Amino acid sequence: MIFRARHLQEDRLFECYLAEQGGEPIEPPAAEHLTDCGACRARYGDLRRFMDGLRLEADAELDEIFPSERSRVQQQQIARRIEQLGRHARVISFPGHRSGDRSPSAPRSRSFAVPHWIGAAAAASLLIGIGAGSLYHSPPPRHRTPSR
């Protein structure tokens, strides 16, 4: 004997609505139940009307916020970016570097001279940090009571 729920739950009705809106078929057991059960069919109709009305209101608000001209410009920008996906990347020159300054065979990396005091400052900072950390995390000194 197959146990069958008396009525479809709200979440199942919503799944049916989403499947229908996505162009997918409703699950066969749910579709059969909607065909056989007038109460669930009425609840599903109410859900569809509510969701469709909600979609229409949201579309109207969206049209107020984003006028059609703005949407068209945005769609054109997206289309241009999609067109550029298959193309090679563009080389952007940065200020201070002219494209003719370097020959193609010249090495691309530069070595920068770092002053010696930077290394000494880093070492001193490390030692100060370790010392301050050990003082901060050390237990407080115990106070001795004088013995009589």
N, C-alpha and C. Protein backbone atom coordinates (compact mmCIF):
# COMPACT_ATOMS: atom_id res chain seq x y z
N MET A 1 0.84 -1.18 0.00
CA MET A 1 0.00 0.00 0.00
C MET A 1 0.89 1.25 0.00
N ILE A 2 0.64 2.15 -0.90
CA ILE A 2 1.42 3.38 -1.01
C ILE A 2 0.73 4.46 -0.17
N PHE A 3 1.50 5.06 0.77
CA PHE A 3 0.97 6.15 1.57
C PHE A 3 1.02 7.42 0.75
N ARG A 4 -0.06 8.11 0.69
CA ARG A 4 -0.14 9.34 -0.07
C ARG A 4 -0.64 10.46 0.82
N ALA A 5 0.08 11.57 0.81
CA ALA A 5 -0.32 12.71 1.63
C ALA A 5 -1.68 13.20 1.18
N ARG A 6 -2.43 13.70 2.12
CA ARG A 6 -3.78 14.14 1.80
C ARG A 6 -3.76 15.34 0.86
N HIS A 7 -2.93 16.32 1.14
CA HIS A 7 -2.82 17.50 0.28
C HIS A 7 -1.34 17.86 0.13
N LEU A 8 -1.05 18.60 -0.93
CA LEU A 8 0.31 19.06 -1.15
C LEU A 8 0.64 20.19 -0.18
N GLN A 9 1.85 20.15 0.37
CA GLN A 9 2.30 21.20 1.27
C GLN A 9 2.63 22.45 0.46
N GLU A 10 2.75 23.58 1.14
CA GLU A 10 3.02 24.84 0.47
C GLU A 10 4.35 24.82 -0.28
N ASP A 11 5.35 24.18 0.32
CA ASP A 11 6.65 24.16 -0.35
C ASP A 11 6.60 23.34 -1.63
N ARG A 12 5.80 22.27 -1.65
CA ARG A 12 5.65 21.48 -2.88
C ARG A 12 4.90 22.27 -3.96
N LEU A 13 3.88 23.02 -3.54
CA LEU A 13 3.16 23.86 -4.50
C LEU A 13 4.10 24.91 -5.09
N PHE A 14 4.96 25.48 -4.24
CA PHE A 14 5.91 26.49 -4.72
C PHE A 14 6.92 25.86 -5.67
N GLU A 15 7.38 24.64 -5.38
CA GLU A 15 8.28 23.94 -6.30
C GLU A 15 7.61 23.70 -7.65
N CYS A 16 6.31 23.38 -7.62
CA CYS A 16 5.57 23.20 -8.88
C CYS A 16 5.53 24.51 -9.66
N TYR A 17 5.30 25.61 -8.95
CA TYR A 17 5.25 26.92 -9.61
C TYR A 17 6.60 27.26 -10.24
N LEU A 18 7.69 27.03 -9.49
CA LEU A 18 9.02 27.35 -10.01
C LEU A 18 9.35 26.48 -11.22
N ALA A 19 8.98 25.21 -11.16
CA ALA A 19 9.24 24.32 -12.30
C ALA A 19 8.47 24.81 -13.52
N GLU A 20 7.23 25.17 -13.32
CA GLU A 20 6.40 25.65 -14.43
C GLU A 20 6.97 26.93 -15.03
N GLN A 21 7.42 27.86 -14.17
CA GLN A 21 7.99 29.12 -14.65
C GLN A 21 9.31 28.91 -15.36
N GLY A 22 10.05 27.88 -14.96
CA GLY A 22 11.32 27.59 -15.59
C GLY A 22 11.19 26.77 -16.86
N GLY A 23 9.98 26.43 -17.24
CA GLY A 23 9.76 25.66 -18.46
C GLY A 23 9.96 24.17 -18.27
N GLU A 24 10.06 23.73 -17.03
CA GLU A 24 10.23 22.32 -16.74
C GLU A 24 8.87 21.71 -16.40
N PRO A 25 8.73 20.40 -16.59
CA PRO A 25 7.47 19.77 -16.22
C PRO A 25 7.36 19.63 -14.70
N ILE A 26 6.14 19.69 -14.23
CA ILE A 26 5.89 19.47 -12.80
C ILE A 26 6.10 17.99 -12.52
N GLU A 27 6.63 17.66 -11.34
CA GLU A 27 6.85 16.27 -10.97
C GLU A 27 5.55 15.49 -11.16
N PRO A 28 5.64 14.30 -11.75
CA PRO A 28 4.42 13.54 -12.04
C PRO A 28 3.50 13.29 -10.84
N PRO A 29 4.02 12.92 -9.65
CA PRO A 29 3.07 12.72 -8.54
C PRO A 29 2.33 14.00 -8.16
N ALA A 30 3.05 15.14 -8.17
CA ALA A 30 2.41 16.40 -7.83
C ALA A 30 1.42 16.82 -8.91
N ALA A 31 1.79 16.62 -10.18
CA ALA A 31 0.89 16.97 -11.28
C ALA A 31 -0.37 16.12 -11.22
N GLU A 32 -0.21 14.84 -10.89
CA GLU A 32 -1.38 13.95 -10.77
C GLU A 32 -2.27 14.38 -9.62
N HIS A 33 -1.64 14.75 -8.50
CA HIS A 33 -2.44 15.19 -7.36
C HIS A 33 -3.18 16.48 -7.67
N LEU A 34 -2.52 17.42 -8.37
CA LEU A 34 -3.19 18.66 -8.73
C LEU A 34 -4.37 18.41 -9.67
N THR A 35 -4.24 17.37 -10.50
CA THR A 35 -5.34 17.03 -11.40
C THR A 35 -6.51 16.45 -10.63
N ASP A 36 -6.19 15.62 -9.62
CA ASP A 36 -7.24 14.91 -8.88
C ASP A 36 -7.85 15.71 -7.75
N CYS A 37 -7.09 16.60 -7.11
CA CYS A 37 -7.54 17.28 -5.90
C CYS A 37 -7.93 18.72 -6.21
N GLY A 38 -9.20 19.02 -6.10
CA GLY A 38 -9.70 20.37 -6.37
C GLY A 38 -9.18 21.39 -5.37
N ALA A 39 -9.03 21.01 -4.09
CA ALA A 39 -8.56 21.94 -3.06
C ALA A 39 -7.12 22.37 -3.35
N CYS A 40 -6.26 21.41 -3.68
CA CYS A 40 -4.87 21.74 -3.99
C CYS A 40 -4.77 22.52 -5.29
N ARG A 41 -5.63 22.18 -6.27
CA ARG A 41 -5.64 22.91 -7.53
C ARG A 41 -6.03 24.37 -7.29
N ALA A 42 -6.98 24.62 -6.38
CA ALA A 42 -7.40 25.98 -6.06
C ALA A 42 -6.28 26.73 -5.32
N ARG A 43 -5.61 26.05 -4.38
CA ARG A 43 -4.49 26.68 -3.67
C ARG A 43 -3.36 27.00 -4.62
N TYR A 44 -3.12 26.10 -5.59
CA TYR A 44 -2.06 26.33 -6.58
C TYR A 44 -2.44 27.52 -7.47
N GLY A 45 -3.70 27.63 -7.83
CA GLY A 45 -4.16 28.77 -8.62
C GLY A 45 -3.97 30.08 -7.86
N ASP A 46 -4.29 30.07 -6.54
CA ASP A 46 -4.07 31.26 -5.72
C ASP A 46 -2.59 31.63 -5.67
N LEU A 47 -1.75 30.61 -5.52
CA LEU A 47 -0.31 30.85 -5.47
C LEU A 47 0.18 31.45 -6.79
N ARG A 48 -0.28 30.91 -7.90
CA ARG A 48 0.13 31.43 -9.21
C ARG A 48 -0.31 32.88 -9.39
N ARG A 49 -1.54 33.19 -9.02
CA ARG A 49 -2.02 34.57 -9.15
C ARG A 49 -1.22 35.51 -8.26
N PHE A 50 -0.93 35.08 -7.03
CA PHE A 50 -0.16 35.91 -6.12
C PHE A 50 1.24 36.15 -6.66
N MET A 51 1.92 35.10 -7.09
CA MET A 51 3.30 35.24 -7.58
C MET A 51 3.34 36.04 -8.88
N ASP A 52 2.38 35.85 -9.76
CA ASP A 52 2.34 36.62 -11.00
C ASP A 52 2.10 38.10 -10.73
N GLY A 53 1.21 38.39 -9.76
CA GLY A 53 0.97 39.78 -9.36
C GLY A 53 2.22 40.40 -8.74
N LEU A 54 2.91 39.61 -7.94
CA LEU A 54 4.14 40.08 -7.31
C LEU A 54 5.19 40.39 -8.37
N ARG A 55 5.27 39.55 -9.38
CA ARG A 55 6.23 39.78 -10.47
C ARG A 55 5.86 41.06 -11.23
N LEU A 56 4.58 41.28 -11.51
CA LEU A 56 4.18 42.48 -12.23
C LEU A 56 4.50 43.74 -11.44
N GLU A 57 4.26 43.71 -10.12
CA GLU A 57 4.58 44.86 -9.27
C GLU A 57 6.09 45.12 -9.25
N ALA A 58 6.87 44.05 -9.14
CA ALA A 58 8.32 44.20 -9.11
C ALA A 58 8.83 44.75 -10.44
N ASP A 59 8.27 44.28 -11.55
CA ASP A 59 8.67 44.79 -12.86
C ASP A 59 8.33 46.27 -12.99
N ALA A 60 7.16 46.68 -12.48
CA ALA A 60 6.78 48.10 -12.54
C ALA A 60 7.73 48.95 -11.71
N GLU A 61 8.08 48.49 -10.51
CA GLU A 61 9.02 49.23 -9.67
C GLU A 61 10.40 49.31 -10.32
N LEU A 62 10.82 48.20 -10.92
CA LEU A 62 12.11 48.17 -11.59
C LEU A 62 12.15 49.16 -12.75
N ASP A 63 11.05 49.25 -13.49
CA ASP A 63 10.99 50.20 -14.61
C ASP A 63 11.04 51.64 -14.12
N GLU A 64 10.48 51.91 -12.92
CA GLU A 64 10.56 53.26 -12.35
C GLU A 64 12.00 53.59 -11.93
N ILE A 65 12.66 52.61 -11.31
CA ILE A 65 14.01 52.85 -10.80
C ILE A 65 15.02 52.91 -11.93
N PHE A 66 14.93 51.96 -12.86
CA PHE A 66 15.85 51.89 -13.99
C PHE A 66 15.08 52.12 -15.28
N PRO A 67 15.09 53.36 -15.77
CA PRO A 67 14.36 53.65 -17.01
C PRO A 67 14.91 52.83 -18.18
N SER A 68 14.12 52.70 -19.21
CA SER A 68 14.50 51.85 -20.35
C SER A 68 15.78 52.34 -21.02
N GLU A 69 16.01 53.65 -21.04
CA GLU A 69 17.24 54.18 -21.64
C GLU A 69 18.47 53.71 -20.88
N ARG A 70 18.39 53.74 -19.56
CA ARG A 70 19.51 53.29 -18.73
C ARG A 70 19.74 51.79 -18.91
N SER A 71 18.68 51.03 -18.99
CA SER A 71 18.81 49.58 -19.21
C SER A 71 19.44 49.29 -20.57
N ARG A 72 19.06 50.07 -21.59
CA ARG A 72 19.60 49.88 -22.94
C ARG A 72 21.10 50.17 -22.96
N VAL A 73 21.51 51.25 -22.30
CA VAL A 73 22.94 51.60 -22.24
C VAL A 73 23.71 50.49 -21.52
N GLN A 74 23.15 49.99 -20.42
CA GLN A 74 23.82 48.93 -19.68
C GLN A 74 23.92 47.65 -20.51
N GLN A 75 22.89 47.32 -21.25
CA GLN A 75 22.93 46.14 -22.10
C GLN A 75 23.99 46.29 -23.19
N GLN A 76 24.14 47.49 -23.74
CA GLN A 76 25.16 47.73 -24.75
C GLN A 76 26.56 47.58 -24.15
N GLN A 77 26.76 48.08 -22.93
CA GLN A 77 28.07 47.93 -22.29
C GLN A 77 28.38 46.46 -22.06
N ILE A 78 27.42 45.70 -21.63
CA ILE A 78 27.62 44.27 -21.40
C ILE A 78 27.92 43.56 -22.71
N ALA A 79 27.21 43.93 -23.77
CA ALA A 79 27.44 43.31 -25.08
C ALA A 79 28.86 43.61 -25.57
N ARG A 80 29.36 44.85 -25.35
CA ARG A 80 30.73 45.18 -25.76
C ARG A 80 31.75 44.36 -24.98
N ARG A 81 31.50 44.17 -23.69
CA ARG A 81 32.44 43.38 -22.89
C ARG A 81 32.42 41.92 -23.32
N ILE A 82 31.28 41.41 -23.67
CA ILE A 82 31.19 40.02 -24.14
C ILE A 82 31.92 39.86 -25.46
N GLU A 83 31.80 40.86 -26.33
CA GLU A 83 32.52 40.81 -27.62
C GLU A 83 34.02 40.76 -27.42
N GLN A 84 34.51 41.40 -26.37
CA GLN A 84 35.95 41.46 -26.13
C GLN A 84 36.48 40.21 -25.43
N LEU A 85 35.63 39.31 -25.01
CA LEU A 85 36.09 38.12 -24.31
C LEU A 85 37.00 37.26 -25.17
N GLY A 86 36.74 37.14 -26.43
CA GLY A 86 37.54 36.30 -27.31
C GLY A 86 38.81 36.96 -27.80
N ARG A 87 38.96 38.24 -27.58
CA ARG A 87 40.12 38.97 -28.09
C ARG A 87 41.28 38.89 -27.10
N HIS A 88 42.46 39.22 -27.63
CA HIS A 88 43.64 39.26 -26.78
C HIS A 88 43.57 40.47 -25.86
N ALA A 89 44.24 40.38 -24.75
CA ALA A 89 44.25 41.47 -23.78
C ALA A 89 45.01 42.67 -24.35
N ARG A 90 44.60 43.83 -23.92
CA ARG A 90 45.29 45.06 -24.34
C ARG A 90 46.41 45.35 -23.35
N VAL A 91 47.49 45.92 -23.87
CA VAL A 91 48.61 46.32 -23.02
C VAL A 91 48.40 47.77 -22.63
N ILE A 92 48.45 48.03 -21.36
CA ILE A 92 48.25 49.38 -20.87
C ILE A 92 49.61 49.91 -20.42
N SER A 93 50.00 51.06 -20.96
CA SER A 93 51.28 51.64 -20.54
C SER A 93 51.03 52.53 -19.34
N PHE A 94 51.95 52.48 -18.40
CA PHE A 94 51.82 53.25 -17.18
C PHE A 94 52.61 54.54 -17.29
N PRO A 95 52.23 55.56 -16.55
CA PRO A 95 52.95 56.84 -16.61
C PRO A 95 54.41 56.65 -16.23
N GLY A 96 55.29 57.36 -16.90
CA GLY A 96 56.71 57.30 -16.59
C GLY A 96 57.45 56.25 -17.40
N HIS A 97 56.75 55.38 -18.08
CA HIS A 97 57.37 54.35 -18.91
C HIS A 97 56.87 54.53 -20.33
N ARG A 98 57.77 54.97 -21.18
CA ARG A 98 57.38 55.09 -22.57
C ARG A 98 57.65 53.77 -23.25
N SER A 99 56.83 53.43 -24.19
CA SER A 99 56.96 52.13 -24.85
C SER A 99 58.27 51.99 -25.61
N GLY A 100 58.89 53.07 -26.05
CA GLY A 100 60.12 53.00 -26.83
C GLY A 100 61.37 53.03 -25.96
N ASP A 101 61.24 53.14 -24.61
CA ASP A 101 62.40 53.24 -23.73
C ASP A 101 63.21 51.96 -23.66
N ARG A 102 62.59 50.84 -23.88
CA ARG A 102 63.25 49.58 -23.65
C ARG A 102 63.22 48.74 -24.91
N SER A 103 64.31 48.11 -25.19
CA SER A 103 64.33 47.22 -26.35
C SER A 103 63.67 45.91 -25.99
N PRO A 104 63.14 45.16 -26.98
CA PRO A 104 62.46 43.91 -26.67
C PRO A 104 63.37 42.89 -26.00
N SER A 105 64.69 42.98 -26.21
CA SER A 105 65.59 42.00 -25.61
C SER A 105 66.03 42.41 -24.21
N ALA A 106 65.71 43.61 -23.77
CA ALA A 106 66.12 44.07 -22.45
C ALA A 106 65.38 43.29 -21.37
N PRO A 107 66.04 43.01 -20.26
CA PRO A 107 65.36 42.28 -19.18
C PRO A 107 64.23 43.11 -18.61
N ARG A 108 63.19 42.43 -18.16
CA ARG A 108 62.00 43.12 -17.69
C ARG A 108 62.07 43.47 -16.21
N SER A 109 62.90 42.78 -15.45
CA SER A 109 62.94 43.06 -14.02
C SER A 109 64.04 44.07 -13.72
N ARG A 110 63.84 44.83 -12.69
CA ARG A 110 64.83 45.80 -12.25
C ARG A 110 65.23 45.43 -10.83
N SER A 111 66.47 45.68 -10.51
CA SER A 111 66.89 45.50 -9.12
C SER A 111 66.97 46.88 -8.50
N PHE A 112 66.34 47.00 -7.37
CA PHE A 112 66.34 48.27 -6.68
C PHE A 112 67.32 48.19 -5.53
N ALA A 113 68.10 49.23 -5.32
CA ALA A 113 69.03 49.27 -4.20
C ALA A 113 68.27 49.66 -2.96
N VAL A 114 68.30 48.78 -1.97
CA VAL A 114 67.61 49.04 -0.71
C VAL A 114 68.65 49.54 0.28
N PRO A 115 68.41 50.68 0.88
CA PRO A 115 69.38 51.19 1.86
C PRO A 115 69.57 50.19 3.01
N HIS A 116 70.78 50.14 3.56
CA HIS A 116 71.10 49.20 4.62
C HIS A 116 70.33 49.49 5.90
N TRP A 117 69.98 50.73 6.12
CA TRP A 117 69.29 51.07 7.36
C TRP A 117 67.91 50.46 7.42
N ILE A 118 67.29 50.14 6.25
CA ILE A 118 65.96 49.53 6.26
C ILE A 118 66.03 48.13 6.88
N GLY A 119 67.07 47.38 6.55
CA GLY A 119 67.24 46.05 7.15
C GLY A 119 67.48 46.15 8.64
N ALA A 120 68.31 47.12 9.05
CA ALA A 120 68.59 47.30 10.48
C ALA A 120 67.32 47.72 11.23
N ALA A 121 66.53 48.59 10.61
CA ALA A 121 65.27 49.03 11.24
C ALA A 121 64.30 47.87 11.37
N ALA A 122 64.25 47.01 10.37
CA ALA A 122 63.36 45.85 10.43
C ALA A 122 63.80 44.90 11.53
N ALA A 123 65.11 44.66 11.65
CA ALA A 123 65.62 43.78 12.71
C ALA A 123 65.34 44.36 14.08
N ALA A 124 65.57 45.68 14.25
CA ALA A 124 65.31 46.33 15.53
C ALA A 124 63.83 46.27 15.88
N SER A 125 62.96 46.46 14.91
CA SER A 125 61.52 46.38 15.15
C SER A 125 61.12 44.99 15.59
N LEU A 126 61.71 43.98 14.98
CA LEU A 126 61.41 42.61 15.34
C LEU A 126 61.82 42.34 16.78
N LEU A 127 63.04 42.77 17.17
CA LEU A 127 63.50 42.55 18.54
C LEU A 127 62.63 43.30 19.55
N ILE A 128 62.26 44.52 19.25
CA ILE A 128 61.40 45.30 20.15
C ILE A 128 60.05 44.62 20.28
N GLY A 129 59.51 44.12 19.18
CA GLY A 129 58.22 43.44 19.22
C GLY A 129 58.26 42.17 20.04
N ILE A 130 59.34 41.40 19.90
CA ILE A 130 59.46 40.17 20.69
C ILE A 130 59.60 40.50 22.17
N GLY A 131 60.41 41.51 22.48
CA GLY A 131 60.58 41.90 23.88
C GLY A 131 59.28 42.41 24.48
N ALA A 132 58.56 43.26 23.77
CA ALA A 132 57.29 43.79 24.28
C ALA A 132 56.27 42.68 24.42
N GLY A 133 56.26 41.74 23.49
CA GLY A 133 55.31 40.63 23.58
C GLY A 133 55.59 39.74 24.76
N SER A 134 56.89 39.48 25.04
CA SER A 134 57.21 38.61 26.18
C SER A 134 56.87 39.31 27.49
N LEU A 135 57.08 40.63 27.57
CA LEU A 135 56.70 41.36 28.79
C LEU A 135 55.19 41.39 28.96
N TYR A 136 54.49 41.53 27.86
CA TYR A 136 53.03 41.62 27.93
C TYR A 136 52.40 40.29 28.36
N HIS A 137 52.97 39.19 27.89
CA HIS A 137 52.38 37.88 28.18
C HIS A 137 53.00 37.19 29.40
N SER A 138 53.96 37.82 30.06
CA SER A 138 54.56 37.19 31.23
C SER A 138 53.62 37.36 32.42
N PRO A 139 53.64 36.40 33.36
CA PRO A 139 52.76 36.52 34.53
C PRO A 139 53.21 37.68 35.41
N PRO A 140 52.26 38.28 36.13
CA PRO A 140 52.63 39.42 37.00
C PRO A 140 53.50 38.91 38.14
N PRO A 141 54.41 39.75 38.62
CA PRO A 141 55.27 39.33 39.75
C PRO A 141 54.44 39.12 41.00
N ARG A 142 54.85 38.12 41.78
CA ARG A 142 54.16 37.84 43.06
C ARG A 142 54.73 38.75 44.13
N HIS A 143 53.82 39.23 44.96
CA HIS A 143 54.26 40.05 46.08
C HIS A 143 54.48 39.14 47.26
N ARG A 144 55.66 39.25 47.88
CA ARG A 144 55.97 38.44 49.05
C ARG A 144 55.58 39.21 50.30
N THR A 145 55.03 38.48 51.20
CA THR A 145 54.75 39.10 52.50
C THR A 145 55.98 38.92 53.36
N PRO A 146 56.36 39.93 54.06
CA PRO A 146 57.57 39.82 54.88
C PRO A 146 57.38 38.75 55.95
N SER A 147 58.38 37.95 56.17
CA SER A 147 58.30 36.91 57.21
C SER A 147 58.73 37.52 58.55
N ARG A 148 58.04 37.11 59.59
CA ARG A 148 58.30 37.69 60.90
C ARG A 148 58.98 36.72 61.76
